[in-house]
Amino acid sequence: MKMNKLKLIVLLGVFASYSTSCSVQNNATKTPPVKNTTKPNNNTTQPKPPVAATKPTTVTPPTSADEVFRTNLPEIKREFRGAWIASVANINWPSRNDLTVDQQKAEAINMLDMLKNNNFNAAIFQIRPSADALYTSNIEPWSYFLTGETGTAPYPNYDPLQFWIEESHKRGLELHVWLNPYRAHHTNGGAVNGLSMANKLSDIVVRLKNGMYWFDPANPKTQGHVSNVVKDIVTRYDIDAIHFDDYFYPYATYNKGADFPDNATWSAYVGSGGTLSRADWRRDNVNKFVERIYKEIHAEKSYVKFGISPFGIWKPGYPAGIVGSSQFDELYADAKLWLNRGWVDYFSPQLYWPIDSKGQGFEALLSWWQSENTMNRHLWPGLNTVEIKVSDRPTEIRNQIEISRNILKKDAGEIHWSIAGLTKNASMLPTLKNGPYSEKALVPKTPWIKAVPLQTPTLFITDNGSFAQASWSSRNIANVFQWVLFKQYNGVWETEIMTLDTLSKDIPKFKDGKKLNALAIKAIDRLGNESDYMAKKVK
């Protein structure tokens, strides 16, 4: 009996020794690695209480959602939705050239709020209507349409373009800057004074019979001057795109039917041994200029897009049955070539005619341009929202958007001429917002422009009672333009597009009788590219 007790004591001692050894081993395996995501412990040199030493050094987050998982998120809706905002002749902004700075800013904010609230995603803002500037420039003078006198700065001085960029981006809108490349002075632009480019560059400017002044597109000095203007804007401003309209060589009516007065440059070309016809020579001048601008923009900032909105008809008969003016023969603009060669990132032919127009059918023209889009650039037609000749404009524009979607598929989009067309007809915005623009959309991706991939954002979820408070961040937030938050209720995902400055949101745990199951976040860059996502379950 005594021996049995002794054996029992020995056995218990061995077991205790073994248990202590196991405890040490287990603690060693649970010690976190050097690369640690928990907060650093500044007291590692201090002795620990024995009980604390046996606990694993993992941190339990004080949240109701901590399980990261992989899933199939829904595709994010995409469509380009822009509006032209014209400054020439004070068509849209500013509404007059004698507004105070505060009045100018208030008008701009009202326009941008309207676009945001009706699920648009881009503004095409005219900053150079006629060799002038609605921005701070050392190359060309302040615009008459801004202050009432060419060369006079706003008072108190501010930079309208910078203001438009900041206010657009705050609302998740792209800001495309629209320049007229060759117009040197508009007949509505007040007197030609000593600061006007029509005077300062008179050696490369001609006066047309309607009173307008025009740069000679054939003159190398013209091409260099406009190139410098574009590069200056791209370099100094955080814009999303450069945009040219349909004015290359001027419409014949501008010179009352007479030929464009470029005898000096034509004679120099012929004298140097040039062999092209005069028409082909003019087109060649514009072609080289368009290619140059496209390449120079991307050399300066690869992510800045270049868009052109040419007249909607290339030539009569293309496609069959189309009649009307020929930009190829009248404006010396071979817009089809630019699209074929990929010298644009987006192309917005001005299809300003009704769907049932016999000589300029909307669907026929858009389908033909799409057939010429051999480089798969963005093709987003211009719609005549303000004055298309139909009895019911809102229904017509809505139907044109639906036709565009059917033709363009996942790269759909359009630009409305102009922003006034959205506001002057009381039914226009409700028709769009209750129809094709019922939900927000990202701009389509631009895959031919290379971009640095975005890092996966980090998602944090905290239990906030009846809400789950979601917050997120990204290590390369400088490259982020927007966020997309995904919310799963009863197994069904919803998407929400949010502005860059939105970094948290309270999400109801129950909505319409459905339970919140999970959340996910993605970052979007300024070319529409998506990061990978982080998804977490909500317990």
Protein backbone atom coordinates (compact mmCIF):
# COMPACT_ATOMS: atom_id res chain seq x y z
CA MET A 1 0.00 0.00 0.00
CA LYS A 2 2.85 2.46 0.81
CA MET A 3 4.66 1.47 -2.37
CA ASN A 4 1.57 2.21 -4.42
CA LYS A 5 1.33 5.68 -2.91
CA LEU A 6 5.00 6.32 -3.70
CA LYS A 7 4.53 5.24 -7.28
CA LEU A 8 1.54 7.51 -7.53
CA ILE A 9 3.55 10.51 -6.26
CA VAL A 10 6.34 9.81 -8.77
CA LEU A 11 3.90 9.48 -11.58
CA LEU A 12 2.22 12.75 -10.64
CA GLY A 13 5.63 14.51 -10.60
CA VAL A 14 6.47 13.22 -14.07
CA PHE A 15 3.09 14.33 -15.36
CA ALA A 16 3.55 17.80 -13.87
CA SER A 17 6.99 18.12 -15.46
CA TYR A 18 5.60 17.00 -18.82
CA SER A 19 2.70 19.43 -18.53
CA THR A 20 5.05 22.35 -17.83
CA SER A 21 7.19 21.37 -20.82
CA CYS A 22 4.12 21.29 -23.07
CA SER A 23 3.00 24.66 -21.78
CA VAL A 24 6.36 26.21 -22.67
CA GLN A 25 6.28 24.62 -26.12
CA ASN A 26 2.74 25.78 -26.77
CA ASN A 27 3.58 29.32 -25.72
CA ALA A 28 6.59 29.27 -28.02
CA THR A 29 4.50 28.27 -31.02
CA LYS A 30 1.92 30.94 -30.30
CA THR A 31 4.44 33.78 -30.12
CA PRO A 32 3.65 36.05 -33.07
CA PRO A 33 6.26 36.35 -35.85
CA VAL A 34 8.48 39.41 -36.15
CA LYS A 35 6.33 40.77 -38.99
CA ASN A 36 3.27 41.58 -36.99
CA THR A 37 0.03 43.43 -37.75
CA THR A 38 -0.75 44.08 -34.07
CA LYS A 39 0.31 47.25 -32.30
CA PRO A 40 3.95 47.16 -31.10
CA ASN A 41 4.42 46.32 -27.43
CA ASN A 42 6.69 48.90 -25.85
CA ASN A 43 7.04 46.92 -22.60
CA THR A 44 8.69 43.77 -23.97
CA THR A 45 11.66 44.19 -21.55
CA GLN A 46 9.42 44.16 -18.48
CA PRO A 47 8.64 40.85 -16.71
CA LYS A 48 5.15 39.46 -17.34
CA PRO A 49 2.83 37.89 -14.78
CA PRO A 50 2.87 34.11 -15.12
CA VAL A 51 -0.78 33.93 -16.18
CA ALA A 52 -0.34 36.50 -18.95
CA ALA A 53 2.68 34.62 -20.28
CA THR A 54 0.56 31.55 -20.99
CA LYS A 55 -2.02 33.48 -23.10
CA PRO A 56 -1.70 33.64 -26.91
CA THR A 57 -0.63 37.13 -28.05
CA THR A 58 -3.35 37.52 -30.68
CA VAL A 59 -5.70 40.49 -30.71
CA THR A 60 -9.44 40.00 -30.87
CA PRO A 61 -10.88 43.00 -32.81
CA PRO A 62 -13.78 44.72 -31.06
CA THR A 63 -15.95 44.34 -34.16
CA SER A 64 -18.91 42.31 -35.25
CA ALA A 65 -17.28 41.41 -38.55
CA ASP A 66 -13.78 40.03 -38.77
CA GLU A 67 -13.95 37.18 -41.25
CA VAL A 68 -12.35 38.01 -44.61
CA PHE A 69 -13.62 35.85 -47.46
CA ARG A 70 -13.68 35.57 -51.25
CA THR A 71 -16.91 35.82 -53.22
CA ASN A 72 -18.40 36.75 -56.58
CA LEU A 73 -19.25 40.44 -56.57
CA PRO A 74 -21.68 41.86 -59.12
CA GLU A 75 -20.39 43.74 -62.15
CA ILE A 76 -20.36 47.50 -61.61
CA LYS A 77 -22.62 49.46 -63.98
CA ARG A 78 -20.67 51.54 -66.49
CA GLU A 79 -21.70 54.26 -68.92
CA PHE A 80 -20.22 57.63 -69.86
CA ARG A 81 -22.70 60.44 -69.13
CA GLY A 82 -21.41 63.89 -69.92
CA ALA A 83 -22.70 67.37 -70.71
CA TRP A 84 -21.06 70.19 -72.64
CA ILE A 85 -20.77 73.49 -70.76
CA ALA A 86 -20.05 76.27 -73.26
CA SER A 87 -18.45 79.58 -72.37
CA VAL A 88 -18.37 81.05 -75.91
CA ALA A 89 -20.92 83.86 -76.23
CA ASN A 90 -21.87 83.07 -72.59
CA ILE A 91 -24.06 80.21 -73.79
CA ASN A 92 -23.89 78.26 -70.50
CA TRP A 93 -21.23 79.56 -68.09
CA PRO A 94 -20.85 82.20 -66.99
CA SER A 95 -24.35 83.25 -68.04
CA ARG A 96 -23.09 86.83 -68.42
CA ASN A 97 -19.65 88.39 -68.64
CA ASP A 98 -20.30 90.84 -65.82
CA LEU A 99 -21.04 88.41 -62.97
CA THR A 100 -19.16 88.73 -59.71
CA VAL A 101 -16.76 85.95 -58.76
CA ASP A 102 -19.23 84.70 -56.15
CA GLN A 103 -22.00 84.62 -58.75
CA GLN A 104 -19.75 82.71 -61.16
CA LYS A 105 -18.93 80.14 -58.48
CA ALA A 106 -22.57 79.77 -57.47
CA GLU A 107 -23.59 79.08 -61.09
CA ALA A 108 -20.83 76.48 -61.44
CA ILE A 109 -21.81 74.71 -58.21
CA ASN A 110 -25.47 74.62 -59.23
CA MET A 111 -24.54 72.98 -62.53
CA LEU A 112 -22.23 70.42 -60.95
CA ASP A 113 -24.75 69.58 -58.23
CA MET A 114 -27.38 69.06 -60.90
CA LEU A 115 -25.11 66.66 -62.80
CA LYS A 116 -24.20 64.71 -59.68
CA ASN A 117 -27.76 64.48 -58.40
CA ASN A 118 -28.98 63.15 -61.75
CA ASN A 119 -26.28 60.47 -61.99
CA PHE A 120 -24.02 62.03 -64.61
CA ASN A 121 -20.29 61.36 -64.27
CA ALA A 122 -18.55 63.99 -66.43
CA ALA A 123 -18.58 67.68 -67.34
CA ILE A 124 -17.02 68.94 -70.60
CA PHE A 125 -16.12 72.52 -69.74
CA GLN A 126 -15.04 75.03 -72.41
CA ILE A 127 -11.96 76.88 -71.15
CA ARG A 128 -10.58 78.21 -74.46
CA PRO A 129 -13.38 79.38 -76.75
CA SER A 130 -11.24 81.55 -79.04
CA ALA A 131 -7.51 81.79 -78.25
CA ASP A 132 -8.36 83.06 -74.77
CA ALA A 133 -8.40 81.57 -71.31
CA LEU A 134 -10.84 80.87 -68.52
CA TYR A 135 -7.82 79.91 -66.44
CA THR A 136 -4.51 81.46 -65.39
CA SER A 137 -2.28 81.54 -68.48
CA ASN A 138 0.98 83.15 -69.51
CA ILE A 139 0.31 82.21 -73.14
CA GLU A 140 -3.14 83.65 -73.92
CA PRO A 141 -5.26 86.44 -72.37
CA TRP A 142 -8.19 86.19 -69.98
CA SER A 143 -11.42 85.63 -71.88
CA TYR A 144 -13.86 88.40 -72.75
CA PHE A 145 -16.65 85.96 -71.88
CA LEU A 146 -15.40 85.80 -68.29
CA THR A 147 -14.83 89.47 -67.45
CA GLY A 148 -16.17 91.57 -70.32
CA GLU A 149 -12.76 92.58 -71.66
CA THR A 150 -10.07 90.46 -73.26
CA GLY A 151 -7.05 90.31 -70.97
CA THR A 152 -8.81 91.53 -67.81
CA ALA A 153 -8.54 89.15 -64.87
CA PRO A 154 -11.48 88.36 -62.58
CA TYR A 155 -11.66 90.40 -59.42
CA PRO A 156 -10.95 89.27 -56.85
CA ASN A 157 -8.61 87.10 -58.87
CA TYR A 158 -9.18 83.35 -58.89
CA ASP A 159 -8.61 80.48 -61.29
CA PRO A 160 -11.96 79.29 -62.71
CA LEU A 161 -10.49 76.09 -64.14
CA GLN A 162 -8.94 75.09 -60.82
CA PHE A 163 -12.27 75.81 -59.14
CA TRP A 164 -14.16 73.65 -61.65
CA ILE A 165 -11.67 70.78 -61.26
CA GLU A 166 -11.88 70.76 -57.47
CA GLU A 167 -15.67 71.05 -57.37
CA SER A 168 -16.13 68.37 -60.05
CA HIS A 169 -13.85 65.87 -58.35
CA LYS A 170 -15.54 66.49 -54.99
CA ARG A 171 -18.71 65.20 -56.61
CA GLY A 172 -17.13 62.23 -58.33
CA LEU A 173 -17.36 63.89 -61.76
CA GLU A 174 -14.63 63.84 -64.37
CA LEU A 175 -13.66 67.28 -65.68
CA HIS A 176 -12.82 67.38 -69.39
CA VAL A 177 -11.43 70.68 -70.64
CA TRP A 178 -12.76 71.75 -74.01
CA LEU A 179 -10.66 73.85 -76.36
CA ASN A 180 -11.39 75.27 -79.78
CA PRO A 181 -8.02 74.78 -81.49
CA TYR A 182 -8.15 77.23 -84.41
CA ARG A 183 -10.62 80.04 -83.66
CA ALA A 184 -8.65 83.19 -82.80
CA HIS A 185 -11.54 85.60 -82.10
CA HIS A 186 -15.31 85.23 -82.02
CA THR A 187 -17.70 87.88 -83.35
CA ASN A 188 -19.38 87.92 -79.92
CA GLY A 189 -16.04 88.36 -78.19
CA GLY A 190 -15.95 92.14 -77.98
CA ALA A 191 -13.38 94.40 -79.59
CA VAL A 192 -10.05 93.03 -80.79
CA ASN A 193 -7.62 94.80 -78.46
CA GLY A 194 -3.88 94.81 -78.01
CA LEU A 195 -3.96 91.67 -75.86
CA SER A 196 -6.04 89.65 -78.33
CA MET A 197 -4.18 86.83 -80.06
CA ALA A 198 -5.69 88.05 -83.34
CA ASN A 199 -3.33 91.02 -82.93
CA LYS A 200 -0.42 89.39 -81.12
CA LEU A 201 -0.17 86.57 -83.67
CA SER A 202 -1.48 88.47 -86.68
CA ASP A 203 1.10 86.80 -88.94
CA ILE A 204 -0.67 83.43 -88.61
CA VAL A 205 -4.29 84.67 -88.28
CA VAL A 206 -6.74 85.46 -91.07
CA ARG A 207 -10.01 87.41 -90.88
CA LEU A 208 -13.08 85.69 -92.29
CA LYS A 209 -15.95 87.50 -94.00
CA ASN A 210 -18.31 86.99 -91.05
CA GLY A 211 -15.92 88.92 -88.79
CA MET A 212 -14.27 85.97 -87.07
CA TYR A 213 -10.48 85.54 -86.92
CA TRP A 214 -8.99 82.11 -87.60
CA PHE A 215 -5.54 80.61 -87.20
CA ASP A 216 -4.14 79.17 -90.42
CA PRO A 217 -4.00 75.42 -89.67
CA ALA A 218 -1.23 74.94 -92.24
CA ASN A 219 1.20 77.28 -90.54
CA PRO A 220 3.72 75.40 -88.34
CA LYS A 221 3.60 78.33 -85.92
CA THR A 222 -0.14 77.73 -85.42
CA GLN A 223 0.45 74.09 -84.66
CA GLY A 224 3.26 74.93 -82.24
CA HIS A 225 1.22 77.59 -80.47
CA VAL A 226 -1.82 75.38 -79.88
CA SER A 227 0.44 72.50 -78.87
CA ASN A 228 2.05 74.74 -76.23
CA VAL A 229 -1.39 75.75 -74.93
CA VAL A 230 -2.46 72.11 -74.57
CA LYS A 231 0.78 71.01 -72.90
CA ASP A 232 0.60 73.94 -70.49
CA ILE A 233 -2.89 72.92 -69.37
CA VAL A 234 -2.06 69.22 -69.09
CA THR A 235 1.10 69.95 -67.11
CA ARG A 236 -0.36 72.38 -64.59
CA TYR A 237 -3.89 71.12 -63.97
CA ASP A 238 -5.34 67.90 -62.59
CA ILE A 239 -7.73 67.40 -65.51
CA ASP A 240 -9.21 64.14 -66.78
CA ALA A 241 -9.26 64.87 -70.52
CA ILE A 242 -8.57 67.37 -73.31
CA HIS A 243 -11.52 67.82 -75.66
CA PHE A 244 -11.68 69.38 -79.16
CA ASP A 245 -14.96 70.26 -80.87
CA ASP A 246 -15.85 70.18 -84.59
CA TYR A 247 -14.19 73.43 -85.71
CA PHE A 248 -11.04 72.69 -87.72
CA TYR A 249 -11.00 74.59 -90.99
CA PRO A 250 -14.10 76.81 -90.60
CA TYR A 251 -17.53 76.09 -92.05
CA ALA A 252 -17.94 77.68 -95.49
CA THR A 253 -20.67 80.01 -94.23
CA TYR A 254 -18.12 81.70 -91.97
CA ASN A 255 -16.39 83.04 -95.07
CA LYS A 256 -19.64 83.53 -97.01
CA GLY A 257 -18.85 80.62 -99.30
CA ALA A 258 -15.42 81.89 -100.33
CA ASP A 259 -12.40 79.59 -100.06
CA PHE A 260 -10.32 79.73 -96.90
CA PRO A 261 -7.67 82.49 -97.31
CA ASP A 262 -4.47 80.45 -96.97
CA ASN A 263 -2.70 81.50 -100.19
CA ALA A 264 0.55 82.29 -98.39
CA THR A 265 1.05 78.87 -96.81
CA TRP A 266 -0.27 77.07 -99.88
CA SER A 267 2.16 78.90 -102.15
CA ALA A 268 5.01 78.10 -99.77
CA TYR A 269 4.03 74.41 -99.83
CA VAL A 270 3.88 74.27 -103.62
CA GLY A 271 7.12 76.22 -103.88
CA SER A 272 8.86 73.69 -101.67
CA GLY A 273 7.90 70.87 -104.03
CA GLY A 274 4.67 69.72 -102.36
CA THR A 275 2.59 67.42 -104.53
CA LEU A 276 -0.71 67.03 -102.63
CA SER A 277 -3.88 68.66 -103.90
CA ARG A 278 -4.94 71.70 -101.92
CA ALA A 279 -7.76 69.79 -100.22
CA ASP A 280 -5.53 66.84 -99.33
CA TRP A 281 -2.84 69.23 -98.09
CA ARG A 282 -5.35 70.91 -95.77
CA ARG A 283 -6.51 67.55 -94.44
CA ASP A 284 -2.91 66.46 -93.98
CA ASN A 285 -2.25 69.57 -91.86
CA VAL A 286 -5.11 68.68 -89.53
CA ASN A 287 -4.26 64.97 -89.46
CA LYS A 288 -0.69 65.63 -88.38
CA PHE A 289 -1.89 68.08 -85.75
CA VAL A 290 -4.41 65.63 -84.25
CA GLU A 291 -1.81 62.86 -84.08
CA ARG A 292 0.70 65.24 -82.50
CA ILE A 293 -1.70 66.43 -79.80
CA TYR A 294 -2.73 62.87 -78.93
CA LYS A 295 0.88 61.76 -78.50
CA GLU A 296 1.96 64.87 -76.62
CA ILE A 297 -0.87 64.61 -74.10
CA HIS A 298 0.03 61.01 -73.25
CA ALA A 299 3.73 61.77 -73.13
CA GLU A 300 3.03 64.38 -70.46
CA LYS A 301 0.37 62.48 -68.45
CA SER A 302 -0.57 59.07 -69.74
CA TYR A 303 -3.89 58.99 -67.89
CA VAL A 304 -5.27 62.20 -69.43
CA LYS A 305 -7.66 61.21 -72.21
CA PHE A 306 -8.02 62.98 -75.56
CA GLY A 307 -11.47 63.31 -77.08
CA ILE A 308 -12.85 64.90 -80.24
CA SER A 309 -16.49 65.63 -81.12
CA PRO A 310 -16.54 65.98 -84.92
CA PHE A 311 -19.51 66.84 -87.10
CA GLY A 312 -21.72 63.76 -87.27
CA ILE A 313 -21.40 63.06 -91.00
CA TRP A 314 -18.02 62.09 -92.44
CA LYS A 315 -19.21 62.30 -96.05
CA PRO A 316 -22.65 62.10 -97.65
CA GLY A 317 -23.36 58.49 -98.63
CA TYR A 318 -21.55 57.06 -95.57
CA PRO A 319 -23.57 55.04 -94.80
CA ALA A 320 -25.86 54.74 -97.80
CA GLY A 321 -28.75 57.20 -97.75
CA ILE A 322 -27.01 59.80 -95.62
CA VAL A 323 -27.13 63.35 -96.98
CA GLY A 324 -25.84 66.66 -95.64
CA SER A 325 -22.59 68.55 -95.18
CA SER A 326 -19.26 66.80 -95.61
CA GLN A 327 -16.72 67.50 -92.90
CA PHE A 328 -14.15 65.71 -95.07
CA ASP A 329 -14.62 68.20 -97.92
CA GLU A 330 -15.71 71.36 -96.09
CA LEU A 331 -13.86 71.30 -92.76
CA TYR A 332 -10.93 69.29 -94.18
CA ALA A 333 -11.34 67.00 -91.19
CA ASP A 334 -10.78 63.32 -91.94
CA ALA A 335 -12.36 62.25 -88.67
CA LYS A 336 -12.73 58.66 -89.85
CA LEU A 337 -8.95 58.43 -90.19
CA TRP A 338 -8.42 59.65 -86.62
CA LEU A 339 -10.76 56.97 -85.34
CA ASN A 340 -9.23 54.28 -87.60
CA ARG A 341 -5.72 55.16 -86.40
CA GLY A 342 -6.64 55.40 -82.71
CA TRP A 343 -5.52 59.03 -82.35
CA VAL A 344 -8.31 59.63 -79.84
CA ASP A 345 -9.30 57.99 -76.58
CA TYR A 346 -12.93 58.85 -77.09
CA PHE A 347 -14.86 59.98 -80.13
CA SER A 348 -18.17 61.84 -79.93
CA PRO A 349 -19.69 62.49 -83.38
CA GLN A 350 -22.38 65.12 -83.11
CA LEU A 351 -25.47 63.10 -84.07
CA TYR A 352 -27.91 65.93 -83.64
CA TRP A 353 -30.75 64.50 -85.75
CA PRO A 354 -33.88 62.55 -84.76
CA ILE A 355 -34.11 58.79 -84.90
CA ASP A 356 -36.57 58.94 -87.80
CA SER A 357 -34.63 61.51 -89.85
CA LYS A 358 -34.56 60.15 -93.40
CA GLY A 359 -31.30 61.74 -94.48
CA GLN A 360 -29.42 61.66 -91.18
CA GLY A 361 -30.77 58.70 -89.23
CA PHE A 362 -29.33 58.53 -85.71
CA GLU A 363 -29.06 54.75 -85.58
CA ALA A 364 -27.60 54.40 -89.08
CA LEU A 365 -24.91 57.00 -88.42
CA LEU A 366 -23.92 55.61 -85.02
CA SER A 367 -23.76 52.07 -86.43
CA TRP A 368 -21.53 53.28 -89.27
CA TRP A 369 -19.15 55.08 -86.90
CA GLN A 370 -19.03 51.94 -84.77
CA SER A 371 -18.07 49.90 -87.85
CA GLU A 372 -15.14 52.30 -88.36
CA ASN A 373 -14.00 52.00 -84.74
CA THR A 374 -11.31 49.48 -85.64
CA MET A 375 -9.07 50.39 -82.67
CA ASN A 376 -11.93 49.96 -80.18
CA ARG A 377 -11.78 53.46 -78.79
CA HIS A 378 -14.66 54.88 -76.76
CA LEU A 379 -17.50 55.95 -79.07
CA TRP A 380 -19.90 58.22 -77.18
CA PRO A 381 -22.23 60.18 -79.49
CA GLY A 382 -23.21 63.78 -78.95
CA LEU A 383 -26.96 64.23 -78.49
CA ASN A 384 -28.85 67.42 -79.32
CA THR A 385 -30.67 67.58 -76.01
CA VAL A 386 -31.28 71.32 -76.19
CA GLU A 387 -32.95 71.72 -79.57
CA ILE A 388 -33.48 68.47 -81.47
CA LYS A 389 -36.37 68.99 -83.86
CA VAL A 390 -39.04 66.71 -82.43
CA SER A 391 -42.28 67.31 -80.52
CA ASP A 392 -41.19 65.35 -77.42
CA ARG A 393 -37.50 65.93 -76.75
CA PRO A 394 -37.18 64.00 -73.47
CA THR A 395 -38.65 60.83 -75.02
CA GLU A 396 -36.46 61.24 -78.12
CA ILE A 397 -33.28 61.62 -76.07
CA ARG A 398 -34.20 58.69 -73.84
CA ASN A 399 -34.76 56.53 -76.95
CA GLN A 400 -31.43 57.64 -78.45
CA ILE A 401 -29.68 56.55 -75.24
CA GLU A 402 -31.35 53.14 -75.47
CA ILE A 403 -30.31 52.76 -79.12
CA SER A 404 -26.74 53.73 -78.19
CA ARG A 405 -26.69 51.09 -75.48
CA ASN A 406 -27.85 48.42 -77.93
CA ILE A 407 -25.11 49.36 -80.41
CA LEU A 408 -22.24 50.11 -78.03
CA LYS A 409 -22.95 47.37 -75.45
CA LYS A 410 -20.62 47.58 -72.43
CA ASP A 411 -18.83 50.73 -73.68
CA ALA A 412 -21.96 52.87 -73.92
CA GLY A 413 -22.14 56.59 -73.25
CA GLU A 414 -23.16 59.95 -74.61
CA ILE A 415 -22.58 63.69 -74.24
CA HIS A 416 -25.51 66.09 -74.09
CA TRP A 417 -25.45 69.34 -76.02
CA SER A 418 -25.72 71.25 -73.89
CA ILE A 419 -26.22 71.45 -70.15
CA ALA A 420 -29.01 73.94 -70.89
CA GLY A 421 -30.94 71.15 -72.60
CA LEU A 422 -31.09 69.35 -69.27
CA THR A 423 -32.60 72.30 -67.41
CA LYS A 424 -34.68 74.31 -69.89
CA ASN A 425 -37.11 71.44 -70.48
CA ALA A 426 -38.82 70.59 -67.19
CA SER A 427 -39.35 66.95 -68.23
CA MET A 428 -35.81 66.19 -69.43
CA LEU A 429 -34.04 65.40 -66.16
CA PRO A 430 -36.96 63.43 -64.65
CA THR A 431 -37.21 61.39 -67.86
CA LEU A 432 -33.51 60.52 -67.69
CA LYS A 433 -33.29 59.91 -63.94
CA ASN A 434 -36.44 57.80 -63.86
CA GLY A 435 -35.27 55.93 -66.94
CA PRO A 436 -31.76 55.26 -68.27
CA TYR A 437 -29.97 57.21 -65.52
CA SER A 438 -31.85 55.69 -62.60
CA GLU A 439 -28.62 54.56 -60.94
CA LYS A 440 -25.07 55.83 -60.84
CA ALA A 441 -22.47 54.43 -63.22
CA LEU A 442 -18.71 54.41 -63.49
CA VAL A 443 -17.12 55.58 -66.72
CA PRO A 444 -16.07 52.66 -68.96
CA LYS A 445 -12.50 51.43 -68.59
CA THR A 446 -9.77 52.64 -70.97
CA PRO A 447 -7.65 49.48 -71.28
CA TRP A 448 -5.23 50.76 -73.95
CA ILE A 449 -3.81 53.30 -71.47
CA LYS A 450 -1.48 51.55 -69.05
CA ALA A 451 -1.96 52.29 -65.37
CA VAL A 452 -0.29 51.26 -62.12
CA PRO A 453 -2.58 48.66 -60.52
CA LEU A 454 -4.39 49.85 -57.42
CA GLN A 455 -3.71 48.07 -54.16
CA THR A 456 -6.54 46.29 -52.41
CA PRO A 457 -8.16 48.63 -49.88
CA THR A 458 -8.49 47.58 -46.26
CA LEU A 459 -11.99 47.29 -44.82
CA PHE A 460 -12.82 47.76 -41.13
CA ILE A 461 -16.22 46.99 -39.63
CA THR A 462 -17.36 47.99 -36.14
CA ASP A 463 -20.58 46.98 -34.43
CA ASN A 464 -22.60 50.15 -33.90
CA GLY A 465 -25.77 48.69 -32.46
CA SER A 466 -28.37 48.60 -35.22
CA PHE A 467 -25.68 49.62 -37.72
CA ALA A 468 -22.42 48.18 -38.94
CA GLN A 469 -19.95 51.04 -39.26
CA ALA A 470 -17.74 50.41 -42.29
CA SER A 471 -14.55 52.33 -42.93
CA TRP A 472 -11.77 51.77 -45.44
CA SER A 473 -8.38 52.99 -46.56
CA SER A 474 -5.75 52.38 -49.22
CA ARG A 475 -1.98 52.65 -49.12
CA ASN A 476 -1.89 54.27 -52.57
CA ILE A 477 -4.87 56.55 -52.07
CA ALA A 478 -3.25 59.19 -54.30
CA ASN A 479 -4.18 57.00 -57.27
CA VAL A 480 -7.77 56.46 -56.15
CA PHE A 481 -10.59 58.47 -57.77
CA GLN A 482 -13.67 56.74 -56.31
CA TRP A 483 -14.80 53.83 -54.14
CA VAL A 484 -17.40 51.16 -54.69
CA LEU A 485 -19.03 49.70 -51.59
CA PHE A 486 -20.84 46.37 -51.86
CA LYS A 487 -23.55 45.44 -49.33
CA GLN A 488 -25.05 41.97 -49.12
CA TYR A 489 -28.57 41.57 -47.71
CA ASN A 490 -30.03 38.05 -47.51
CA GLY A 491 -27.38 36.84 -49.92
CA VAL A 492 -27.99 39.53 -52.58
CA TRP A 493 -25.29 42.13 -53.32
CA GLU A 494 -25.98 45.84 -53.83
CA THR A 495 -23.43 48.39 -55.11
CA GLU A 496 -22.87 52.01 -54.17
CA ILE A 497 -20.43 54.35 -55.98
CA MET A 498 -18.91 56.92 -53.65
CA THR A 499 -16.59 59.92 -53.89
CA LEU A 500 -12.95 59.79 -52.85
CA ASP A 501 -13.49 61.75 -49.64
CA THR A 502 -16.08 59.25 -48.38
CA LEU A 503 -14.10 56.95 -46.09
CA SER A 504 -16.79 55.53 -43.81
CA LYS A 505 -20.47 54.75 -43.76
CA ASP A 506 -23.05 53.41 -41.30
CA ILE A 507 -24.84 50.44 -42.86
CA PRO A 508 -28.19 49.30 -41.39
CA LYS A 509 -28.04 45.69 -40.19
CA PHE A 510 -31.62 45.21 -41.29
CA LYS A 511 -33.32 46.77 -44.32
CA ASP A 512 -36.79 45.97 -45.63
CA GLY A 513 -36.84 42.90 -43.44
CA LYS A 514 -33.52 41.65 -44.83
CA LYS A 515 -30.39 41.00 -42.80
CA LEU A 516 -26.97 42.42 -43.61
CA ASN A 517 -24.63 39.47 -44.30
CA ALA A 518 -21.43 40.99 -45.63
CA LEU A 519 -19.64 44.09 -46.92
CA ALA A 520 -16.91 44.58 -49.54
CA ILE A 521 -14.92 47.54 -50.86
CA LYS A 522 -13.08 48.30 -54.10
CA ALA A 523 -10.98 51.29 -55.17
CA ILE A 524 -11.41 52.84 -58.63
CA ASP A 525 -8.71 54.85 -60.40
CA ARG A 526 -9.26 57.79 -62.74
CA LEU A 527 -9.32 55.52 -65.80
CA GLY A 528 -12.10 53.43 -64.31
CA ASN A 529 -9.85 50.50 -63.38
CA GLU A 530 -10.88 48.48 -60.35
CA SER A 531 -8.68 47.21 -57.54
CA ASP A 532 -9.14 43.79 -56.02
CA TYR A 533 -11.67 43.80 -53.20
CA MET A 534 -11.73 43.04 -49.50
CA ALA A 535 -14.92 41.38 -48.29
CA LYS A 536 -15.91 40.67 -44.70
CA LYS A 537 -18.85 38.86 -43.19
CA VAL A 538 -21.10 40.66 -40.75
CA LYS A 539 -22.01 38.49 -37.78
